[in-house]
């Protein structure tokens, strides 16, 4: 038997008139839109705190990009100049969305406060690690590639704290993975960290990336992987740092072929002019 609404639009047994129900739905939609706008504003603040997406210092070029799987990103990239040096950090905060995004501000401030021109990356990693361990169990685990670059000589000193090893592609086509460092940050309070120093020769390109790049999947469930990243870079030989970054992103998009992101995606490209 069909139930007929009353004259006020309400159903029998309901104390909520039809007009009140519409008002309630309108209010919920406004709250949803307001939350969406607040998340968008938070994402813009997060982006500004990361520093410039494009940077040139001498014959070194820096390009980076971050794409969040859920509004706010747990991946982070930050650059800052100090005299002839550039401080760079690229990493991944455990988790996704709002929770990971909220920790980004804390971490960005920590990194910048410890990133003095004479600071060794291993020392910076140790200080950040100690701070995160102090805040356990609230603080998340963090992986990070931390570097100080002397742009006058092309000398790069780095510490890899549990992050996917950045790829260094040399002008002659050979490549290295930058693995020296220590464990992820926030896991072991007195963990040892080490730095390594290398020379970015003319024509060399360094690419740091998050797991969201390598683990990007296509409709068949196949992952993008390191070999495709390296292949894309070799196809981009002779291009600028920014163009190489865009070519990697295009390759990811083509490979995914409409498959939604499972994780945040971030890339940093550092390139020295061929001379």
C-alpha atoms as a PDB file:
ATOM      1  CA  UNK A   1       0.000   0.000   0.000  1.00  0.00           C
ATOM      2  CA  UNK A   2       1.414   3.398  -1.010  1.00  0.00           C
ATOM      3  CA  UNK A   3       2.113   5.897   1.745  1.00  0.00           C
ATOM      4  CA  UNK A   4       0.880   9.399   0.978  1.00  0.00           C
ATOM      5  CA  UNK A   5       2.728  12.448   2.333  1.00  0.00           C
ATOM      6  CA  UNK A   6       0.828  14.884   4.487  1.00  0.00           C
ATOM      7  CA  UNK A   7      -0.156  18.383   3.426  1.00  0.00           C
ATOM      8  CA  UNK A   8       3.144  19.789   4.748  1.00  0.00           C
ATOM      9  CA  UNK A   9       5.176  17.304   2.677  1.00  0.00           C
ATOM     10  CA  UNK A  10       6.062  15.087   5.634  1.00  0.00           C
ATOM     11  CA  UNK A  11       5.565  11.329   5.801  1.00  0.00           C
ATOM     12  CA  UNK A  12       3.268   9.764   8.391  1.00  0.00           C
ATOM     13  CA  UNK A  13       5.173   9.095  11.610  1.00  0.00           C
ATOM     14  CA  UNK A  14       7.819  11.685  10.750  1.00  0.00           C
ATOM     15  CA  UNK A  15       8.232  14.797  12.849  1.00  0.00           C
ATOM     16  CA  UNK A  16      10.382  16.464  10.153  1.00  0.00           C
ATOM     17  CA  UNK A  17       8.353  18.466   7.609  1.00  0.00           C
ATOM     18  CA  UNK A  18       9.381  18.251   3.952  1.00  0.00           C
ATOM     19  CA  UNK A  19      10.592  21.844   3.917  1.00  0.00           C
ATOM     20  CA  UNK A  20      12.750  21.155   6.980  1.00  0.00           C
ATOM     21  CA  UNK A  21      14.257  18.110   5.279  1.00  0.00           C
ATOM     22  CA  UNK A  22      15.187  20.235   2.262  1.00  0.00           C
ATOM     23  CA  UNK A  23      16.724  22.863   4.555  1.00  0.00           C
ATOM     24  CA  UNK A  24      18.741  20.165   6.301  1.00  0.00           C
ATOM     25  CA  UNK A  25      20.045  18.796   2.985  1.00  0.00           C
ATOM     26  CA  UNK A  26      20.924  22.302   1.803  1.00  0.00           C
ATOM     27  CA  UNK A  27      22.814  22.901   5.047  1.00  0.00           C
ATOM     28  CA  UNK A  28      24.753  19.647   4.654  1.00  0.00           C
ATOM     29  CA  UNK A  29      25.661  20.561   1.074  1.00  0.00           C
ATOM     30  CA  UNK A  30      26.903  23.979   2.208  1.00  0.00           C
ATOM     31  CA  UNK A  31      29.025  22.351   4.915  1.00  0.00           C
ATOM     32  CA  UNK A  32      30.427  19.909   2.364  1.00  0.00           C
ATOM     33  CA  UNK A  33      31.324  22.771   0.005  1.00  0.00           C
ATOM     34  CA  UNK A  34      32.890  24.727   2.872  1.00  0.00           C
ATOM     35  CA  UNK A  35      35.015  21.712   3.843  1.00  0.00           C
ATOM     36  CA  UNK A  36      36.058  21.281   0.203  1.00  0.00           C
ATOM     37  CA  UNK A  37      37.119  24.946   0.040  1.00  0.00           C
ATOM     38  CA  UNK A  38      39.058  24.689   3.312  1.00  0.00           C
ATOM     39  CA  UNK A  39      40.922  21.617   2.046  1.00  0.00           C
ATOM     40  CA  UNK A  40      41.729  23.455  -1.180  1.00  0.00           C
ATOM     41  CA  UNK A  41      43.095  26.433   0.790  1.00  0.00           C
ATOM     42  CA  UNK A  42      45.152  24.080   2.972  1.00  0.00           C
ATOM     43  CA  UNK A  43      46.596  22.464  -0.158  1.00  0.00           C
ATOM     44  CA  UNK A  44      47.602  25.891  -1.494  1.00  0.00           C
ATOM     45  CA  UNK A  45      49.313  26.764   1.805  1.00  0.00           C
ATOM     46  CA  UNK A  46      51.118  23.435   1.716  1.00  0.00           C
ATOM     47  CA  UNK A  47      52.300  24.188  -1.800  1.00  0.00           C
ATOM     48  CA  UNK A  48      53.609  27.644  -0.833  1.00  0.00           C
ATOM     49  CA  UNK A  49      55.497  26.250   2.162  1.00  0.00           C
ATOM     50  CA  UNK A  50      57.340  23.886  -0.175  1.00  0.00           C
ATOM     51  CA  UNK A  51      59.181  26.781  -1.797  1.00  0.00           C
ATOM     52  CA  UNK A  52      59.599  27.384  -5.531  1.00  0.00           C
ATOM     53  CA  UNK A  53      58.709  24.648  -8.001  1.00  0.00           C
ATOM     54  CA  UNK A  54      61.336  25.977 -10.417  1.00  0.00           C
ATOM     55  CA  UNK A  55      64.716  27.305  -9.341  1.00  0.00           C
ATOM     56  CA  UNK A  56      67.955  28.180 -11.084  1.00  0.00           C
ATOM     57  CA  UNK A  57      71.244  28.840  -9.332  1.00  0.00           C
ATOM     58  CA  UNK A  58      74.328  29.196 -11.509  1.00  0.00           C
ATOM     59  CA  UNK A  59      74.386  26.320 -13.989  1.00  0.00           C
ATOM     60  CA  UNK A  60      72.117  24.144 -11.827  1.00  0.00           C
ATOM     61  CA  UNK A  61      68.387  23.853 -12.502  1.00  0.00           C
ATOM     62  CA  UNK A  62      65.799  22.550 -10.040  1.00  0.00           C
ATOM     63  CA  UNK A  63      62.243  21.445 -10.874  1.00  0.00           C
ATOM     64  CA  UNK A  64      59.695  19.674  -8.690  1.00  0.00           C
ATOM     65  CA  UNK A  65      56.034  18.733  -8.522  1.00  0.00           C
ATOM     66  CA  UNK A  66      53.703  17.043  -6.037  1.00  0.00           C
ATOM     67  CA  UNK A  67      50.295  15.515  -6.768  1.00  0.00           C
ATOM     68  CA  UNK A  68      48.127  14.466  -3.832  1.00  0.00           C
ATOM     69  CA  UNK A  69      45.982  11.352  -4.022  1.00  0.00           C
ATOM     70  CA  UNK A  70      43.568  12.985  -1.517  1.00  0.00           C
ATOM     71  CA  UNK A  71      43.679  16.801  -1.447  1.00  0.00           C
ATOM     72  CA  UNK A  72      46.615  17.124   0.984  1.00  0.00           C
ATOM     73  CA  UNK A  73      49.863  15.335   0.247  1.00  0.00           C
ATOM     74  CA  UNK A  74      52.072  13.307   2.551  1.00  0.00           C
ATOM     75  CA  UNK A  75      54.887  13.738   0.028  1.00  0.00           C
ATOM     76  CA  UNK A  76      57.018  16.834   0.441  1.00  0.00           C
ATOM     77  CA  UNK A  77      59.582  18.777  -1.563  1.00  0.00           C
ATOM     78  CA  UNK A  78      61.366  21.878  -0.342  1.00  0.00           C
ATOM     79  CA  UNK A  79      64.135  24.096  -1.736  1.00  0.00           C
ATOM     80  CA  UNK A  80      65.866  27.094  -0.202  1.00  0.00           C
ATOM     81  CA  UNK A  81      68.844  29.203  -1.323  1.00  0.00           C
ATOM     82  CA  UNK A  82      71.559  30.473   0.977  1.00  0.00           C
ATOM     83  CA  UNK A  83      74.474  32.172  -0.739  1.00  0.00           C
ATOM     84  CA  UNK A  84      76.025  29.805  -3.254  1.00  0.00           C
ATOM     85  CA  UNK A  85      74.265  26.804  -1.729  1.00  0.00           C
ATOM     86  CA  UNK A  86      70.834  25.252  -2.156  1.00  0.00           C
ATOM     87  CA  UNK A  87      69.193  23.086   0.485  1.00  0.00           C
ATOM     88  CA  UNK A  88      66.851  20.452  -0.943  1.00  0.00           C
ATOM     89  CA  UNK A  89      64.677  17.833   0.731  1.00  0.00           C
ATOM     90  CA  UNK A  90      62.317  15.292  -0.799  1.00  0.00           C
ATOM     91  CA  UNK A  91      60.372  12.750   1.208  1.00  0.00           C
ATOM     92  CA  UNK A  92      57.246  10.920   2.195  1.00  0.00           C
ATOM     93  CA  UNK A  93      55.247  11.139   5.426  1.00  0.00           C
ATOM     94  CA  UNK A  94      53.542   7.843   6.280  1.00  0.00           C
ATOM     95  CA  UNK A  95      49.857   7.889   5.409  1.00  0.00           C
ATOM     96  CA  UNK A  96      47.781   9.981   3.035  1.00  0.00           C
ATOM     97  CA  UNK A  97      45.275  12.796   3.133  1.00  0.00           C
ATOM     98  CA  UNK A  98      44.596  15.178   6.007  1.00  0.00           C
ATOM     99  CA  UNK A  99      46.568  13.312   8.692  1.00  0.00           C
ATOM    100  CA  UNK A 100      49.779  13.214   6.650  1.00  0.00           C
ATOM    101  CA  UNK A 101      49.195  16.728   5.321  1.00  0.00           C
ATOM    102  CA  UNK A 102      48.941  18.162   8.843  1.00  0.00           C
ATOM    103  CA  UNK A 103      52.415  16.854   9.665  1.00  0.00           C
ATOM    104  CA  UNK A 104      53.858  18.494   6.566  1.00  0.00           C
ATOM    105  CA  UNK A 105      53.889  21.949   8.189  1.00  0.00           C
ATOM    106  CA  UNK A 106      55.726  20.642  11.239  1.00  0.00           C
ATOM    107  CA  UNK A 107      58.272  18.802   9.125  1.00  0.00           C
ATOM    108  CA  UNK A 108      58.872  21.696   6.721  1.00  0.00           C
ATOM    109  CA  UNK A 109      59.605  23.964   9.680  1.00  0.00           C
ATOM    110  CA  UNK A 110      61.958  21.414  11.231  1.00  0.00           C
ATOM    111  CA  UNK A 111      63.936  20.934   8.032  1.00  0.00           C
ATOM    112  CA  UNK A 112      64.335  24.654   7.429  1.00  0.00           C
ATOM    113  CA  UNK A 113      65.358  25.334  11.038  1.00  0.00           C
ATOM    114  CA  UNK A 114      68.162  22.767  10.859  1.00  0.00           C
ATOM    115  CA  UNK A 115      69.228  23.602   7.286  1.00  0.00           C
ATOM    116  CA  UNK A 116      72.029  26.051   7.983  1.00  0.00           C
ATOM    117  CA  UNK A 117      74.599  26.571   5.201  1.00  0.00           C
ATOM    118  CA  UNK A 118      77.222  24.589   7.112  1.00  0.00           C
ATOM    119  CA  UNK A 119      74.840  21.799   8.222  1.00  0.00           C
ATOM    120  CA  UNK A 120      75.698  18.306   7.077  1.00  0.00           C
ATOM    121  CA  UNK A 121      72.653  16.394   5.720  1.00  0.00           C
ATOM    122  CA  UNK A 122      73.354  13.491   8.103  1.00  0.00           C
ATOM    123  CA  UNK A 123      73.291  15.946  11.011  1.00  0.00           C
ATOM    124  CA  UNK A 124      69.960  17.367   9.782  1.00  0.00           C
ATOM    125  CA  UNK A 125      68.522  13.851   9.475  1.00  0.00           C
ATOM    126  CA  UNK A 126      69.683  12.995  12.992  1.00  0.00           C
ATOM    127  CA  UNK A 127      68.066  16.120  14.486  1.00  0.00           C
ATOM    128  CA  UNK A 128      64.756  15.568  12.692  1.00  0.00           C
ATOM    129  CA  UNK A 129      64.800  11.892  13.669  1.00  0.00           C
ATOM    130  CA  UNK A 130      65.357  12.757  17.326  1.00  0.00           C
ATOM    131  CA  UNK A 131      62.466  15.238  17.255  1.00  0.00           C
ATOM    132  CA  UNK A 132      60.053  12.741  15.673  1.00  0.00           C
ATOM    133  CA  UNK A 133      61.074   9.988  18.092  1.00  0.00           C
ATOM    134  CA  UNK A 134      60.416  12.364  20.992  1.00  0.00           C
ATOM    135  CA  UNK A 135      56.850  12.811  19.718  1.00  0.00           C
ATOM    136  CA  UNK A 136      56.136   9.093  19.406  1.00  0.00           C
ATOM    137  CA  UNK A 137      53.642   7.470  19.143  1.00  0.00           C
ATOM    138  CA  UNK A 138      51.820  10.483  17.707  1.00  0.00           C
ATOM    139  CA  UNK A 139      54.434  11.372  15.085  1.00  0.00           C
ATOM    140  CA  UNK A 140      54.464   9.423  11.817  1.00  0.00           C
ATOM    141  CA  UNK A 141      57.396   7.663  10.221  1.00  0.00           C
ATOM    142  CA  UNK A 142      59.043   9.727   7.486  1.00  0.00           C
ATOM    143  CA  UNK A 143      61.416   8.875   4.662  1.00  0.00           C
ATOM    144  CA  UNK A 144      63.610  11.638   3.310  1.00  0.00           C
ATOM    145  CA  UNK A 145      66.364  12.500   0.867  1.00  0.00           C
ATOM    146  CA  UNK A 146      68.213  15.525   2.267  1.00  0.00           C
ATOM    147  CA  UNK A 147      70.871  17.374   0.274  1.00  0.00           C
ATOM    148  CA  UNK A 148      73.113  20.425   0.370  1.00  0.00           C
ATOM    149  CA  UNK A 149      74.314  21.544  -3.064  1.00  0.00           C
ATOM    150  CA  UNK A 150      77.253  23.863  -3.635  1.00  0.00           C
ATOM    151  CA  UNK A 151      76.130  25.449  -6.883  1.00  0.00           C
ATOM    152  CA  UNK A 152      79.495  27.072  -7.541  1.00  0.00           C
ATOM    153  CA  UNK A 153      81.257  23.734  -7.919  1.00  0.00           C
ATOM    154  CA  UNK A 154      78.359  21.332  -8.513  1.00  0.00           C
ATOM    155  CA  UNK A 155      79.165  19.440  -5.322  1.00  0.00           C
ATOM    156  CA  UNK A 156      76.229  17.605  -3.739  1.00  0.00           C
ATOM    157  CA  UNK A 157      76.285  16.158  -0.224  1.00  0.00           C
ATOM    158  CA  UNK A 158      73.293  14.004   0.675  1.00  0.00           C
ATOM    159  CA  UNK A 159      71.784  11.688   3.264  1.00  0.00           C
ATOM    160  CA  UNK A 160      69.090   9.196   2.280  1.00  0.00           C
ATOM    161  CA  UNK A 161      66.917   8.406   5.305  1.00  0.00           C
ATOM    162  CA  UNK A 162      64.987   5.331   4.206  1.00  0.00           C
ATOM    163  CA  UNK A 163      63.721   6.932   0.996  1.00  0.00           C
ATOM    164  CA  UNK A 164      63.604   5.339  -2.447  1.00  0.00           C
ATOM    165  CA  UNK A 165      67.158   5.908  -3.764  1.00  0.00           C
ATOM    166  CA  UNK A 166      67.228   8.876  -6.161  1.00  0.00           C
ATOM    167  CA  UNK A 167      68.508   8.150  -9.634  1.00  0.00           C
ATOM    168  CA  UNK A 168      71.612   9.923 -10.923  1.00  0.00           C
ATOM    169  CA  UNK A 169      71.830   9.755 -14.707  1.00  0.00           C
ATOM    170  CA  UNK A 170      75.213  10.744 -16.103  1.00  0.00           C
ATOM    171  CA  UNK A 171      75.786  12.486 -19.414  1.00  0.00           C
ATOM    172  CA  UNK A 172      77.320   9.273 -20.828  1.00  0.00           C
ATOM    173  CA  UNK A 173      74.096   7.322 -20.139  1.00  0.00           C
ATOM    174  CA  UNK A 174      75.325   5.427 -17.077  1.00  0.00           C
ATOM    175  CA  UNK A 175      73.388   5.714 -13.821  1.00  0.00           C
ATOM    176  CA  UNK A 176      73.771   5.374 -10.055  1.00  0.00           C
ATOM    177  CA  UNK A 177      71.362   5.046  -7.130  1.00  0.00           C
ATOM    178  CA  UNK A 178      72.007   7.329  -4.145  1.00  0.00           C
ATOM    179  CA  UNK A 179      71.621   5.029  -1.142  1.00  0.00           C
ATOM    180  CA  UNK A 180      74.019   6.313   1.544  1.00  0.00           C
ATOM    181  CA  UNK A 181      72.242   7.460   4.693  1.00  0.00           C
ATOM    182  CA  UNK A 182      70.289   5.598   7.345  1.00  0.00           C
ATOM    183  CA  UNK A 183      66.845   4.302   8.355  1.00  0.00           C
ATOM    184  CA  UNK A 184      63.545   6.112   8.026  1.00  0.00           C
ATOM    185  CA  UNK A 185      63.028   9.044  10.370  1.00  0.00           C
ATOM    186  CA  UNK A 186      61.108   8.622  13.612  1.00  0.00           C
ATOM    187  CA  UNK A 187      61.780   4.906  14.013  1.00  0.00           C
ATOM    188  CA  UNK A 188      65.006   4.554  16.048  1.00  0.00           C
ATOM    189  CA  UNK A 189      65.997   7.385  18.391  1.00  0.00           C
ATOM    190  CA  UNK A 190      69.769   6.888  18.269  1.00  0.00           C
ATOM    191  CA  UNK A 191      69.955   5.663  14.682  1.00  0.00           C
ATOM    192  CA  UNK A 192      73.224   6.501  12.893  1.00  0.00           C
ATOM    193  CA  UNK A 193      73.075   8.553   9.703  1.00  0.00           C
ATOM    194  CA  UNK A 194      75.844   9.053   7.155  1.00  0.00           C
ATOM    195  CA  UNK A 195      76.382  11.487   4.305  1.00  0.00           C
ATOM    196  CA  UNK A 196      78.029  11.013   0.937  1.00  0.00           C
ATOM    197  CA  UNK A 197      79.426  13.644  -1.418  1.00  0.00           C
ATOM    198  CA  UNK A 198      79.496  13.517  -5.200  1.00  0.00           C
ATOM    199  CA  UNK A 199      80.087  15.884  -8.081  1.00  0.00           C
ATOM    200  CA  UNK A 200      77.261  16.729 -10.453  1.00  0.00           C
ATOM    201  CA  UNK A 201      79.230  16.820 -13.690  1.00  0.00           C
ATOM    202  CA  UNK A 202      78.047  18.889 -16.665  1.00  0.00           C
ATOM    203  CA  UNK A 203      75.029  17.167 -18.223  1.00  0.00           C
ATOM    204  CA  UNK A 204      74.223  15.066 -15.123  1.00  0.00           C
ATOM    205  CA  UNK A 205      70.604  14.741 -13.971  1.00  0.00           C
ATOM    206  CA  UNK A 206      69.410  13.687 -10.523  1.00  0.00           C
ATOM    207  CA  UNK A 207      65.817  12.536 -10.047  1.00  0.00           C
ATOM    208  CA  UNK A 208      64.252  12.001  -6.617  1.00  0.00           C
ATOM    209  CA  UNK A 209      60.795  10.423  -6.491  1.00  0.00           C
ATOM    210  CA  UNK A 210      58.258   8.914  -4.124  1.00  0.00           C
ATOM    211  CA  UNK A 211      56.889   5.386  -4.095  1.00  0.00           C
ATOM    212  CA  UNK A 212      53.783   6.729  -5.831  1.00  0.00           C
ATOM    213  CA  UNK A 213      55.848   7.096  -9.021  1.00  0.00           C
ATOM    214  CA  UNK A 214      57.278   3.584  -9.134  1.00  0.00           C
ATOM    215  CA  UNK A 215      54.061   1.987  -7.862  1.00  0.00           C
ATOM    216  CA  UNK A 216      51.754   3.788 -10.289  1.00  0.00           C
ATOM    217  CA  UNK A 217      49.719   0.998 -11.913  1.00  0.00           C
ATOM    218  CA  UNK A 218      48.025   0.502 -15.268  1.00  0.00           C
ATOM    219  CA  UNK A 219      44.624  -1.180 -15.775  1.00  0.00           C
ATOM    220  CA  UNK A 220      46.380  -4.586 -15.764  1.00  0.00           C
ATOM    221  CA  UNK A 221      47.867  -3.940 -12.319  1.00  0.00           C
ATOM    222  CA  UNK A 222      51.427  -3.626 -13.642  1.00  0.00           C
ATOM    223  CA  UNK A 223      53.675  -1.091 -11.880  1.00  0.00           C
ATOM    224  CA  UNK A 224      55.577   1.699 -13.634  1.00  0.00           C
ATOM    225  CA  UNK A 225      58.871   0.707 -12.009  1.00  0.00           C
ATOM    226  CA  UNK A 226      62.419   2.037 -12.079  1.00  0.00           C
ATOM    227  CA  UNK A 227      63.155   0.725 -15.575  1.00  0.00           C
ATOM    228  CA  UNK A 228      60.404   2.850 -17.138  1.00  0.00           C
ATOM    229  CA  UNK A 229      61.562   5.896 -15.195  1.00  0.00           C
ATOM    230  CA  UNK A 230      65.096   5.402 -16.496  1.00  0.00           C
ATOM    231  CA  UNK A 231      63.843   4.793 -20.037  1.00  0.00           C
ATOM    232  CA  UNK A 232      61.811   8.023 -19.936  1.00  0.00           C
ATOM    233  CA  UNK A 233      64.829   9.985 -18.735  1.00  0.00           C
ATOM    234  CA  UNK A 234      66.999   8.628 -21.522  1.00  0.00           C
ATOM    235  CA  UNK A 235      64.333   9.589 -24.061  1.00  0.00           C
ATOM    236  CA  UNK A 236      64.414  13.109 -22.578  1.00  0.00           C
ATOM    237  CA  UNK A 237      68.163  13.489 -23.091  1.00  0.00           C
ATOM    238  CA  UNK A 238      69.111  17.076 -23.911  1.00  0.00           C
ATOM    239  CA  UNK A 239      65.920  18.566 -22.448  1.00  0.00           C
ATOM    240  CA  UNK A 240      65.675  21.012 -19.538  1.00  0.00           C
ATOM    241  CA  UNK A 241      65.028  19.883 -15.962  1.00  0.00           C
ATOM    242  CA  UNK A 242      61.435  21.116 -16.153  1.00  0.00           C
ATOM    243  CA  UNK A 243      60.818  19.397 -19.495  1.00  0.00           C
ATOM    244  CA  UNK A 244      62.218  16.138 -18.133  1.00  0.00           C
ATOM    245  CA  UNK A 245      59.886  16.381 -15.152  1.00  0.00           C
ATOM    246  CA  UNK A 246      56.891  16.989 -17.427  1.00  0.00           C
ATOM    247  CA  UNK A 247      57.895  14.072 -19.667  1.00  0.00           C
ATOM    248  CA  UNK A 248      57.991  11.753 -16.645  1.00  0.00           C
ATOM    249  CA  UNK A 249      54.539  12.941 -15.548  1.00  0.00           C
ATOM    250  CA  UNK A 250      53.218  12.435 -19.087  1.00  0.00           C
ATOM    251  CA  UNK A 251      54.697   8.924 -19.168  1.00  0.00           C
ATOM    252  CA  UNK A 252      52.989   8.149 -15.842  1.00  0.00           C
ATOM    253  CA  UNK A 253      49.655   9.425 -17.127  1.00  0.00           C
ATOM    254  CA  UNK A 254      49.918   7.425 -20.343  1.00  0.00           C
ATOM    255  CA  UNK A 255      50.927   4.307 -18.418  1.00  0.00           C
ATOM    256  CA  UNK A 256      48.102   4.612 -15.860  1.00  0.00           C
ATOM    257  CA  UNK A 257      45.593   5.050 -18.700  1.00  0.00           C
ATOM    258  CA  UNK A 258      42.872   6.357 -16.401  1.00  0.00           C
ATOM    259  CA  UNK A 259      43.695   4.228 -13.351  1.00  0.00           C
ATOM    260  CA  UNK A 260      43.277   6.419 -10.220  1.00  0.00           C
ATOM    261  CA  UNK A 261      46.321   7.272  -8.114  1.00  0.00           C
ATOM    262  CA  UNK A 262      46.804   4.899  -5.185  1.00  0.00           C
ATOM    263  CA  UNK A 263      49.368   7.145  -3.517  1.00  0.00           C
ATOM    264  CA  UNK A 264      50.770  10.659  -3.660  1.00  0.00           C
ATOM    265  CA  UNK A 265      53.172  11.311  -6.537  1.00  0.00           C
ATOM    266  CA  UNK A 266      56.193  13.599  -6.209  1.00  0.00           C
ATOM    267  CA  UNK A 267      59.253  14.296  -8.334  1.00  0.00           C
ATOM    268  CA  UNK A 268      62.372  16.427  -8.049  1.00  0.00           C
ATOM    269  CA  UNK A 269      64.760  16.945 -10.961  1.00  0.00           C
ATOM    270  CA  UNK A 270      68.166  18.579 -10.449  1.00  0.00           C
ATOM    271  CA  UNK A 271      70.240  19.115 -13.566  1.00  0.00           C
ATOM    272  CA  UNK A 272      73.571  20.704 -14.352  1.00  0.00           C
ATOM    273  CA  UNK A 273      74.007  22.424 -17.704  1.00  0.00           C
ATOM    274  CA  UNK A 274      75.962  20.397 -20.237  1.00  0.00           C
ATOM    275  CA  UNK A 275      78.466  23.247 -20.510  1.00  0.00           C
END
